[in-house]
Amino acid sequence: MSNKLKLGIPKGSLQDATVALFERAGWHIGVSSRSYFPSIDDKEIECMLVRAQEMARYVEHGALDAGLTGNDWVIENEHQVEYITSLTYSKVSRQKVRWVLCVPEDSPYQKPEDLAGKTIATELVEFTKRYFASKNIPVKVEFSWGATEVKPPTLADAIVEVTETGSSLRANRLRIIETLMESETQLIMNKAAAGDAWKRAKVENLAMMLQGAIAAQRQVGLMLNVEKKNLDAVLSVLPSLNSPTVSHLSNSEWVAVNTILEETVVRDVIPKLKASNATGIVEYPLNKVVL
């Protein structure tokens, strides 16, 4: 029997971002609304759609060899899994999400201690209970089935909710008084599967390519030509991931320079390169950057 890796793909808010990330990493995942078993163009991987909140449980119990989920859900139920790598992406941005303690804008509460004896609504129940217990603040923590932002002040005094940008909280006239946890997507493995040499190598290679795809989202390639007499001036204004590659051209007085840099600095760098007499400047996108 051929080797097979059972891989959990998060169903829900992370699903589209995860499928897109795998596409950039080199794997095409085909998702059907009628099936929980997406196709993937890798005969050694078998995918299953599982809610992020449940992923760590199925990985811990061995129903899945590996899966992608937030470390918040691993921590919530204290599942025993092996972390392979962090993957900083989410449904909106390329940054970590935060679980925050929020109250209505006009409420008198300013800090967690002010909520003693009050009711907190959240989906992250067990972690929230442990958080307040660690501070010796007596509160009632209730599970929220959704639409948590609308519950204060009528159905709860405060909420613990996840946010990326804070826009939904502001739209619902909520004020953050404390950040309880930062979270990001993790590639996790079942501990027994992690001890299998083939499965571990497969997952670690997968992690490398996913990380490369994420890194490439923030980087671009830049190539240009410059006369040798102006090369030092060009290199002095050219930030790079590593040392730029300098290649000889058919004209012995000219060289080609190729490098990788942060996308956010390109708009400042290109005018400086032009001022340093660089020519033929080309910016190009990257699929993966593997360090």
C-alpha atoms as a PDB file:
ATOM      1  CA  MET A   1       0.000   0.000   0.000  1.00  0.00           C
ATOM      2  CA  SER A   2       1.365   3.420  -0.982  1.00  0.00           C
ATOM      3  CA  ASN A   3       2.040   6.067   1.634  1.00  0.00           C
ATOM      4  CA  LYS A   4      -0.793   8.517   2.239  1.00  0.00           C
ATOM      5  CA  LEU A   5      -0.942  11.668   4.365  1.00  0.00           C
ATOM      6  CA  LYS A   6      -4.363  12.507   5.825  1.00  0.00           C
ATOM      7  CA  LEU A   7      -4.493  16.320   5.843  1.00  0.00           C
ATOM      8  CA  GLY A   8      -7.154  18.547   7.387  1.00  0.00           C
ATOM      9  CA  ILE A   9      -8.080  21.756   5.540  1.00  0.00           C
ATOM     10  CA  PRO A  10      -9.927  24.330   7.686  1.00  0.00           C
ATOM     11  CA  LYS A  11     -13.553  24.719   6.665  1.00  0.00           C
ATOM     12  CA  GLY A  12     -15.135  28.142   7.128  1.00  0.00           C
ATOM     13  CA  SER A  13     -13.484  31.555   7.264  1.00  0.00           C
ATOM     14  CA  LEU A  14      -9.972  30.239   6.560  1.00  0.00           C
ATOM     15  CA  GLN A  15     -10.987  27.895   3.760  1.00  0.00           C
ATOM     16  CA  ASP A  16     -10.603  30.180   0.733  1.00  0.00           C
ATOM     17  CA  ALA A  17      -7.350  31.706   2.006  1.00  0.00           C
ATOM     18  CA  THR A  18      -5.938  28.216   2.655  1.00  0.00           C
ATOM     19  CA  VAL A  19      -6.869  26.891  -0.782  1.00  0.00           C
ATOM     20  CA  ALA A  20      -5.316  29.996  -2.376  1.00  0.00           C
ATOM     21  CA  LEU A  21      -2.132  29.542  -0.327  1.00  0.00           C
ATOM     22  CA  PHE A  22      -1.813  25.911  -1.423  1.00  0.00           C
ATOM     23  CA  GLU A  23      -2.285  27.015  -5.028  1.00  0.00           C
ATOM     24  CA  ARG A  24       0.641  29.428  -4.724  1.00  0.00           C
ATOM     25  CA  ALA A  25       2.691  26.720  -3.036  1.00  0.00           C
ATOM     26  CA  GLY A  26       2.108  24.342  -5.958  1.00  0.00           C
ATOM     27  CA  TRP A  27      -0.900  22.195  -4.934  1.00  0.00           C
ATOM     28  CA  HIS A  28      -4.308  22.582  -6.542  1.00  0.00           C
ATOM     29  CA  ILE A  29      -7.176  21.772  -4.181  1.00  0.00           C
ATOM     30  CA  GLY A  30     -10.624  21.369  -5.716  1.00  0.00           C
ATOM     31  CA  VAL A  31     -13.441  22.059  -3.272  1.00  0.00           C
ATOM     32  CA  SER A  32     -17.022  20.987  -3.929  1.00  0.00           C
ATOM     33  CA  SER A  33     -19.979  22.278  -1.936  1.00  0.00           C
ATOM     34  CA  ARG A  34     -21.318  18.703  -1.859  1.00  0.00           C
ATOM     35  CA  SER A  35     -18.246  16.980  -0.423  1.00  0.00           C
ATOM     36  CA  TYR A  36     -16.059  17.241   2.659  1.00  0.00           C
ATOM     37  CA  PHE A  37     -13.228  15.507   0.784  1.00  0.00           C
ATOM     38  CA  PRO A  38     -11.598  17.997  -1.606  1.00  0.00           C
ATOM     39  CA  SER A  39      -9.499  16.705  -4.472  1.00  0.00           C
ATOM     40  CA  ILE A  40      -5.783  17.524  -4.565  1.00  0.00           C
ATOM     41  CA  ASP A  41      -3.274  16.985  -7.352  1.00  0.00           C
ATOM     42  CA  ASP A  42      -0.958  14.931  -5.140  1.00  0.00           C
ATOM     43  CA  LYS A  43      -1.616  11.204  -4.932  1.00  0.00           C
ATOM     44  CA  GLU A  44       0.206  11.062  -1.585  1.00  0.00           C
ATOM     45  CA  ILE A  45      -2.223  13.452   0.163  1.00  0.00           C
ATOM     46  CA  GLU A  46      -5.850  12.873   1.121  1.00  0.00           C
ATOM     47  CA  CYS A  47      -7.708  16.044   2.180  1.00  0.00           C
ATOM     48  CA  MET A  48     -10.686  16.521   4.459  1.00  0.00           C
ATOM     49  CA  LEU A  49     -12.530  19.713   5.324  1.00  0.00           C
ATOM     50  CA  VAL A  50     -12.791  20.165   9.094  1.00  0.00           C
ATOM     51  CA  ARG A  51     -13.791  23.215  11.108  1.00  0.00           C
ATOM     52  CA  ALA A  52     -10.744  24.964  12.584  1.00  0.00           C
ATOM     53  CA  GLN A  53     -12.297  24.679  16.056  1.00  0.00           C
ATOM     54  CA  GLU A  54     -12.248  20.864  15.807  1.00  0.00           C
ATOM     55  CA  MET A  55      -9.064  20.320  13.819  1.00  0.00           C
ATOM     56  CA  ALA A  56      -6.684  19.781  16.747  1.00  0.00           C
ATOM     57  CA  ARG A  57      -8.991  17.149  18.293  1.00  0.00           C
ATOM     58  CA  TYR A  58      -8.987  15.007  15.157  1.00  0.00           C
ATOM     59  CA  VAL A  59      -5.236  15.448  14.715  1.00  0.00           C
ATOM     60  CA  GLU A  60      -4.599  14.515  18.359  1.00  0.00           C
ATOM     61  CA  HIS A  61      -6.754  11.376  18.075  1.00  0.00           C
ATOM     62  CA  GLY A  62      -5.119  10.304  14.793  1.00  0.00           C
ATOM     63  CA  ALA A  63      -8.142  10.622  12.502  1.00  0.00           C
ATOM     64  CA  LEU A  64      -5.917  13.114  10.662  1.00  0.00           C
ATOM     65  CA  ASP A  65      -2.137  13.007  10.379  1.00  0.00           C
ATOM     66  CA  ALA A  66      -1.849  16.783  10.065  1.00  0.00           C
ATOM     67  CA  GLY A  67      -3.988  19.869   9.681  1.00  0.00           C
ATOM     68  CA  LEU A  68      -4.108  23.631   9.631  1.00  0.00           C
ATOM     69  CA  THR A  69      -5.764  25.539  12.445  1.00  0.00           C
ATOM     70  CA  GLY A  70      -5.186  28.501  14.706  1.00  0.00           C
ATOM     71  CA  ASN A  71      -3.116  27.981  17.832  1.00  0.00           C
ATOM     72  CA  ASP A  72      -6.075  29.542  19.671  1.00  0.00           C
ATOM     73  CA  TRP A  73      -8.129  26.378  19.108  1.00  0.00           C
ATOM     74  CA  VAL A  74      -5.254  24.125  20.124  1.00  0.00           C
ATOM     75  CA  ILE A  75      -4.876  26.122  23.350  1.00  0.00           C
ATOM     76  CA  GLU A  76      -8.632  26.291  23.966  1.00  0.00           C
ATOM     77  CA  ASN A  77      -8.947  22.558  24.561  1.00  0.00           C
ATOM     78  CA  GLU A  78      -5.291  21.900  25.477  1.00  0.00           C
ATOM     79  CA  HIS A  79      -4.855  19.326  22.719  1.00  0.00           C
ATOM     80  CA  GLN A  80      -1.600  17.377  22.563  1.00  0.00           C
ATOM     81  CA  VAL A  81      -0.269  17.844  19.042  1.00  0.00           C
ATOM     82  CA  GLU A  82       3.073  18.707  17.490  1.00  0.00           C
ATOM     83  CA  TYR A  83       3.549  22.158  15.983  1.00  0.00           C
ATOM     84  CA  ILE A  84       5.369  22.003  12.639  1.00  0.00           C
ATOM     85  CA  THR A  85       5.338  25.653  11.571  1.00  0.00           C
ATOM     86  CA  SER A  86       3.467  28.934  11.954  1.00  0.00           C
ATOM     87  CA  LEU A  87       1.753  30.275   8.841  1.00  0.00           C
ATOM     88  CA  THR A  88       0.840  33.927   9.235  1.00  0.00           C
ATOM     89  CA  TYR A  89      -2.198  34.342   7.012  1.00  0.00           C
ATOM     90  CA  SER A  90      -5.894  34.825   7.647  1.00  0.00           C
ATOM     91  CA  LYS A  91      -9.111  35.528   5.766  1.00  0.00           C
ATOM     92  CA  VAL A  92      -8.455  39.270   5.443  1.00  0.00           C
ATOM     93  CA  SER A  93      -4.812  40.084   6.061  1.00  0.00           C
ATOM     94  CA  ARG A  94      -1.314  38.674   6.460  1.00  0.00           C
ATOM     95  CA  GLN A  95      -1.133  39.282  10.172  1.00  0.00           C
ATOM     96  CA  LYS A  96      -1.974  37.569  13.429  1.00  0.00           C
ATOM     97  CA  VAL A  97      -5.499  37.767  14.793  1.00  0.00           C
ATOM     98  CA  ARG A  98      -6.258  38.834  18.368  1.00  0.00           C
ATOM     99  CA  TRP A  99      -8.752  37.585  20.918  1.00  0.00           C
ATOM    100  CA  VAL A 100      -9.849  40.703  22.739  1.00  0.00           C
ATOM    101  CA  LEU A 101     -12.005  41.572  25.720  1.00  0.00           C
ATOM    102  CA  CYS A 102     -14.612  44.129  24.630  1.00  0.00           C
ATOM    103  CA  VAL A 103     -17.308  46.194  26.284  1.00  0.00           C
ATOM    104  CA  PRO A 104     -19.827  48.722  24.943  1.00  0.00           C
ATOM    105  CA  GLU A 105     -18.278  52.097  24.122  1.00  0.00           C
ATOM    106  CA  ASP A 106     -20.300  53.885  26.801  1.00  0.00           C
ATOM    107  CA  SER A 107     -19.865  51.288  29.556  1.00  0.00           C
ATOM    108  CA  PRO A 108     -17.970  52.178  32.761  1.00  0.00           C
ATOM    109  CA  TYR A 109     -15.669  49.138  32.503  1.00  0.00           C
ATOM    110  CA  GLN A 110     -12.015  50.012  31.868  1.00  0.00           C
ATOM    111  CA  LYS A 111     -10.101  46.851  32.823  1.00  0.00           C
ATOM    112  CA  PRO A 112     -10.778  43.127  33.356  1.00  0.00           C
ATOM    113  CA  GLU A 113     -11.069  43.570  37.132  1.00  0.00           C
ATOM    114  CA  ASP A 114     -14.101  45.823  36.595  1.00  0.00           C
ATOM    115  CA  LEU A 115     -16.018  42.817  35.245  1.00  0.00           C
ATOM    116  CA  ALA A 116     -16.040  40.878  38.532  1.00  0.00           C
ATOM    117  CA  GLY A 117     -19.432  39.189  38.889  1.00  0.00           C
ATOM    118  CA  LYS A 118     -20.389  39.975  35.295  1.00  0.00           C
ATOM    119  CA  THR A 119     -21.240  37.773  32.281  1.00  0.00           C
ATOM    120  CA  ILE A 120     -18.810  37.262  29.406  1.00  0.00           C
ATOM    121  CA  ALA A 121     -19.978  35.796  26.076  1.00  0.00           C
ATOM    122  CA  THR A 122     -17.459  34.080  23.817  1.00  0.00           C
ATOM    123  CA  GLU A 123     -16.770  31.113  21.577  1.00  0.00           C
ATOM    124  CA  LEU A 124     -13.413  30.654  23.341  1.00  0.00           C
ATOM    125  CA  VAL A 125     -14.972  29.501  26.605  1.00  0.00           C
ATOM    126  CA  GLU A 126     -12.308  27.375  28.300  1.00  0.00           C
ATOM    127  CA  PHE A 127      -9.436  29.737  27.613  1.00  0.00           C
ATOM    128  CA  THR A 128     -11.508  32.691  28.830  1.00  0.00           C
ATOM    129  CA  LYS A 129     -12.378  30.850  32.038  1.00  0.00           C
ATOM    130  CA  ARG A 130      -8.699  30.076  32.651  1.00  0.00           C
ATOM    131  CA  TYR A 131      -7.716  33.671  31.893  1.00  0.00           C
ATOM    132  CA  PHE A 132     -10.078  35.195  34.457  1.00  0.00           C
ATOM    133  CA  ALA A 133      -9.322  32.449  36.998  1.00  0.00           C
ATOM    134  CA  SER A 134      -5.602  33.245  36.709  1.00  0.00           C
ATOM    135  CA  LYS A 135      -6.423  36.808  37.716  1.00  0.00           C
ATOM    136  CA  ASN A 136      -8.825  35.708  40.495  1.00  0.00           C
ATOM    137  CA  ILE A 137     -11.672  37.604  38.855  1.00  0.00           C
ATOM    138  CA  PRO A 138     -15.016  35.814  39.342  1.00  0.00           C
ATOM    139  CA  VAL A 139     -17.068  35.969  36.123  1.00  0.00           C
ATOM    140  CA  LYS A 140     -19.700  33.883  34.358  1.00  0.00           C
ATOM    141  CA  VAL A 141     -18.501  32.750  30.921  1.00  0.00           C
ATOM    142  CA  GLU A 142     -21.202  31.730  28.437  1.00  0.00           C
ATOM    143  CA  PHE A 143     -20.727  30.055  25.063  1.00  0.00           C
ATOM    144  CA  SER A 144     -21.759  32.215  22.139  1.00  0.00           C
ATOM    145  CA  TRP A 145     -23.167  30.499  19.076  1.00  0.00           C
ATOM    146  CA  GLY A 146     -22.420  33.491  16.859  1.00  0.00           C
ATOM    147  CA  ALA A 147     -23.152  37.179  16.376  1.00  0.00           C
ATOM    148  CA  THR A 148     -21.190  37.737  19.581  1.00  0.00           C
ATOM    149  CA  GLU A 149     -20.664  41.442  18.857  1.00  0.00           C
ATOM    150  CA  VAL A 150     -24.374  42.258  19.280  1.00  0.00           C
ATOM    151  CA  LYS A 151     -24.770  40.699  22.737  1.00  0.00           C
ATOM    152  CA  PRO A 152     -23.534  43.526  24.996  1.00  0.00           C
ATOM    153  CA  PRO A 153     -25.063  45.062  26.955  1.00  0.00           C
ATOM    154  CA  THR A 154     -28.419  43.230  26.807  1.00  0.00           C
ATOM    155  CA  LEU A 155     -27.302  39.587  26.667  1.00  0.00           C
ATOM    156  CA  ALA A 156     -23.830  39.923  28.189  1.00  0.00           C
ATOM    157  CA  ASP A 157     -21.777  42.567  29.967  1.00  0.00           C
ATOM    158  CA  ALA A 158     -18.710  41.945  27.798  1.00  0.00           C
ATOM    159  CA  ILE A 159     -17.423  39.628  25.117  1.00  0.00           C
ATOM    160  CA  VAL A 160     -14.174  37.920  24.174  1.00  0.00           C
ATOM    161  CA  GLU A 161     -14.020  37.978  20.390  1.00  0.00           C
ATOM    162  CA  VAL A 162     -11.484  37.431  17.633  1.00  0.00           C
ATOM    163  CA  THR A 163     -10.532  40.341  15.397  1.00  0.00           C
ATOM    164  CA  GLU A 164      -8.129  41.094  12.572  1.00  0.00           C
ATOM    165  CA  THR A 165      -8.705  44.792  11.964  1.00  0.00           C
ATOM    166  CA  GLY A 166     -11.180  45.774  14.693  1.00  0.00           C
ATOM    167  CA  SER A 167     -13.614  47.189  12.121  1.00  0.00           C
ATOM    168  CA  SER A 168     -16.511  44.898  13.073  1.00  0.00           C
ATOM    169  CA  LEU A 169     -16.065  45.747  16.750  1.00  0.00           C
ATOM    170  CA  ARG A 170     -16.101  49.479  16.018  1.00  0.00           C
ATOM    171  CA  ALA A 171     -19.161  49.070  13.798  1.00  0.00           C
ATOM    172  CA  ASN A 172     -20.957  47.479  16.748  1.00  0.00           C
ATOM    173  CA  ARG A 173     -19.864  50.284  19.092  1.00  0.00           C
ATOM    174  CA  LEU A 174     -17.542  48.087  21.143  1.00  0.00           C
ATOM    175  CA  ARG A 175     -14.350  49.131  22.898  1.00  0.00           C
ATOM    176  CA  ILE A 176     -11.338  46.846  23.484  1.00  0.00           C
ATOM    177  CA  ILE A 177     -10.078  46.888  27.064  1.00  0.00           C
ATOM    178  CA  GLU A 178      -7.612  43.986  26.895  1.00  0.00           C
ATOM    179  CA  THR A 179      -5.937  41.631  24.422  1.00  0.00           C
ATOM    180  CA  LEU A 180      -6.064  38.097  25.820  1.00  0.00           C
ATOM    181  CA  MET A 181      -4.211  36.223  23.090  1.00  0.00           C
ATOM    182  CA  GLU A 182      -2.628  36.573  19.671  1.00  0.00           C
ATOM    183  CA  SER A 183      -3.169  33.700  17.269  1.00  0.00           C
ATOM    184  CA  GLU A 184      -2.047  32.601  13.824  1.00  0.00           C
ATOM    185  CA  THR A 185      -2.528  29.561  11.653  1.00  0.00           C
ATOM    186  CA  GLN A 186      -0.400  26.557  12.550  1.00  0.00           C
ATOM    187  CA  LEU A 187       0.459  23.405  10.634  1.00  0.00           C
ATOM    188  CA  ILE A 188       0.107  20.710  13.297  1.00  0.00           C
ATOM    189  CA  MET A 189       0.744  16.948  13.339  1.00  0.00           C
ATOM    190  CA  ASN A 190      -0.412  13.955  15.272  1.00  0.00           C
ATOM    191  CA  LYS A 191       2.449  12.929  17.570  1.00  0.00           C
ATOM    192  CA  ALA A 192       2.535   9.342  16.314  1.00  0.00           C
ATOM    193  CA  ALA A 193       2.431  10.483  12.685  1.00  0.00           C
ATOM    194  CA  ALA A 194       5.266  12.906  13.421  1.00  0.00           C
ATOM    195  CA  GLY A 195       7.349   9.897  14.424  1.00  0.00           C
ATOM    196  CA  ASP A 196       6.803   8.276  11.027  1.00  0.00           C
ATOM    197  CA  ALA A 197       9.778   9.271   8.849  1.00  0.00           C
ATOM    198  CA  TRP A 198       7.829   9.413   5.583  1.00  0.00           C
ATOM    199  CA  LYS A 199       4.900  11.400   6.975  1.00  0.00           C
ATOM    200  CA  ARG A 200       7.151  13.836   8.795  1.00  0.00           C
ATOM    201  CA  ALA A 201       9.247  14.462   5.694  1.00  0.00           C
ATOM    202  CA  LYS A 202       6.080  14.979   3.634  1.00  0.00           C
ATOM    203  CA  VAL A 203       4.685  17.516   6.098  1.00  0.00           C
ATOM    204  CA  GLU A 204       7.992  19.340   6.515  1.00  0.00           C
ATOM    205  CA  ASN A 205       8.316  19.676   2.720  1.00  0.00           C
ATOM    206  CA  LEU A 206       4.753  20.949   2.610  1.00  0.00           C
ATOM    207  CA  ALA A 207       5.581  23.455   5.357  1.00  0.00           C
ATOM    208  CA  MET A 208       8.628  24.690   3.436  1.00  0.00           C
ATOM    209  CA  MET A 209       6.602  25.344   0.302  1.00  0.00           C
ATOM    210  CA  LEU A 210       3.737  27.027   2.169  1.00  0.00           C
ATOM    211  CA  GLN A 211       6.207  29.275   3.985  1.00  0.00           C
ATOM    212  CA  GLY A 212       7.828  30.074   0.658  1.00  0.00           C
ATOM    213  CA  ALA A 213       4.473  31.061  -0.812  1.00  0.00           C
ATOM    214  CA  ILE A 214       3.739  33.336   2.158  1.00  0.00           C
ATOM    215  CA  ALA A 215       7.178  34.951   1.974  1.00  0.00           C
ATOM    216  CA  ALA A 216       6.702  35.600  -1.743  1.00  0.00           C
ATOM    217  CA  GLN A 217       3.561  37.645  -1.036  1.00  0.00           C
ATOM    218  CA  ARG A 218       5.711  40.296   0.611  1.00  0.00           C
ATOM    219  CA  GLN A 219       8.599  40.176  -1.863  1.00  0.00           C
ATOM    220  CA  VAL A 220       9.208  41.079  -5.484  1.00  0.00           C
ATOM    221  CA  GLY A 221      12.082  40.461  -7.836  1.00  0.00           C
ATOM    222  CA  LEU A 222      13.970  43.341  -9.428  1.00  0.00           C
ATOM    223  CA  MET A 223      16.395  43.166 -12.324  1.00  0.00           C
ATOM    224  CA  LEU A 224      18.272  45.940 -14.100  1.00  0.00           C
ATOM    225  CA  ASN A 225      21.305  46.768 -16.194  1.00  0.00           C
ATOM    226  CA  VAL A 226      24.020  49.224 -15.235  1.00  0.00           C
ATOM    227  CA  GLU A 227      27.443  50.276 -16.428  1.00  0.00           C
ATOM    228  CA  LYS A 228      30.243  48.913 -14.258  1.00  0.00           C
ATOM    229  CA  LYS A 229      31.375  52.422 -13.342  1.00  0.00           C
ATOM    230  CA  ASN A 230      27.940  53.017 -11.729  1.00  0.00           C
ATOM    231  CA  LEU A 231      27.600  49.609 -10.056  1.00  0.00           C
ATOM    232  CA  ASP A 232      28.706  50.731  -6.586  1.00  0.00           C
ATOM    233  CA  ALA A 233      26.186  53.577  -6.646  1.00  0.00           C
ATOM    234  CA  VAL A 234      23.398  51.162  -7.582  1.00  0.00           C
ATOM    235  CA  LEU A 235      24.340  48.608  -4.924  1.00  0.00           C
ATOM    236  CA  SER A 236      24.452  51.314  -2.265  1.00  0.00           C
ATOM    237  CA  VAL A 237      20.739  52.068  -2.677  1.00  0.00           C
ATOM    238  CA  LEU A 238      19.582  48.497  -3.288  1.00  0.00           C
ATOM    239  CA  PRO A 239      18.296  46.579  -0.248  1.00  0.00           C
ATOM    240  CA  SER A 240      18.133  42.854  -0.813  1.00  0.00           C
ATOM    241  CA  LEU A 241      17.190  39.550   0.753  1.00  0.00           C
ATOM    242  CA  ASN A 242      20.767  38.400   0.308  1.00  0.00           C
ATOM    243  CA  SER A 243      23.603  39.815  -1.783  1.00  0.00           C
ATOM    244  CA  PRO A 244      22.338  40.832  -5.245  1.00  0.00           C
ATOM    245  CA  THR A 245      23.351  38.650  -8.163  1.00  0.00           C
ATOM    246  CA  VAL A 246      25.632  40.513 -10.568  1.00  0.00           C
ATOM    247  CA  SER A 247      26.120  38.968 -14.028  1.00  0.00           C
ATOM    248  CA  HIS A 248      28.310  39.981 -16.950  1.00  0.00           C
ATOM    249  CA  LEU A 249      26.669  41.041 -20.209  1.00  0.00           C
ATOM    250  CA  SER A 250      27.939  40.696 -23.785  1.00  0.00           C
ATOM    251  CA  ASN A 251      29.040  44.314 -23.511  1.00  0.00           C
ATOM    252  CA  SER A 252      31.964  44.034 -21.115  1.00  0.00           C
ATOM    253  CA  GLU A 253      31.296  47.510 -19.743  1.00  0.00           C
ATOM    254  CA  TRP A 254      27.831  46.559 -18.462  1.00  0.00           C
ATOM    255  CA  VAL A 255      26.428  44.128 -15.876  1.00  0.00           C
ATOM    256  CA  ALA A 256      22.989  42.814 -14.985  1.00  0.00           C
ATOM    257  CA  VAL A 257      21.806  42.974 -11.376  1.00  0.00           C
ATOM    258  CA  ASN A 258      19.076  40.719  -9.987  1.00  0.00           C
ATOM    259  CA  THR A 259      17.725  40.854  -6.449  1.00  0.00           C
ATOM    260  CA  ILE A 260      14.705  40.330  -4.193  1.00  0.00           C
ATOM    261  CA  LEU A 261      13.295  43.031  -1.960  1.00  0.00           C
ATOM    262  CA  GLU A 262      10.269  43.988   0.090  1.00  0.00           C
ATOM    263  CA  GLU A 263       7.366  45.095  -2.084  1.00  0.00           C
ATOM    264  CA  THR A 264       6.746  48.096   0.159  1.00  0.00           C
ATOM    265  CA  VAL A 265      10.128  49.680  -0.610  1.00  0.00           C
ATOM    266  CA  VAL A 266      10.033  49.358  -4.414  1.00  0.00           C
ATOM    267  CA  ARG A 267       8.397  52.739  -4.966  1.00  0.00           C
ATOM    268  CA  ASP A 268      11.296  54.430  -3.160  1.00  0.00           C
ATOM    269  CA  VAL A 269      14.073  52.273  -4.581  1.00  0.00           C
ATOM    270  CA  ILE A 270      13.312  52.498  -8.314  1.00  0.00           C
ATOM    271  CA  PRO A 271      13.671  56.306  -8.542  1.00  0.00           C
ATOM    272  CA  LYS A 272      16.998  56.039  -6.695  1.00  0.00           C
ATOM    273  CA  LEU A 273      18.163  53.337  -9.112  1.00  0.00           C
ATOM    274  CA  LYS A 274      17.209  55.500 -12.051  1.00  0.00           C
ATOM    275  CA  ALA A 275      19.115  58.411 -10.512  1.00  0.00           C
ATOM    276  CA  SER A 276      22.136  56.100 -10.190  1.00  0.00           C
ATOM    277  CA  ASN A 277      22.009  55.500 -13.979  1.00  0.00           C
ATOM    278  CA  ALA A 278      20.442  52.041 -13.862  1.00  0.00           C
ATOM    279  CA  THR A 279      18.439  51.125 -16.960  1.00  0.00           C
ATOM    280  CA  GLY A 280      16.075  48.393 -18.103  1.00  0.00           C
ATOM    281  CA  ILE A 281      14.582  48.163 -14.602  1.00  0.00           C
ATOM    282  CA  VAL A 282      12.017  45.352 -14.384  1.00  0.00           C
ATOM    283  CA  GLU A 283       9.932  44.438 -11.346  1.00  0.00           C
ATOM    284  CA  TYR A 284       8.386  40.954 -11.383  1.00  0.00           C
ATOM    285  CA  PRO A 285       6.174  38.947  -9.002  1.00  0.00           C
ATOM    286  CA  LEU A 286       7.358  35.872  -7.114  1.00  0.00           C
ATOM    287  CA  ASN A 287       5.502  32.621  -6.440  1.00  0.00           C
ATOM    288  CA  LYS A 288       7.746  31.312  -3.679  1.00  0.00           C
ATOM    289  CA  VAL A 289      10.764  32.493  -1.703  1.00  0.00           C
ATOM    290  CA  VAL A 290      12.490  29.609   0.099  1.00  0.00           C
ATOM    291  CA  LEU A 291      15.231  30.660   2.481  1.00  0.00           C
END
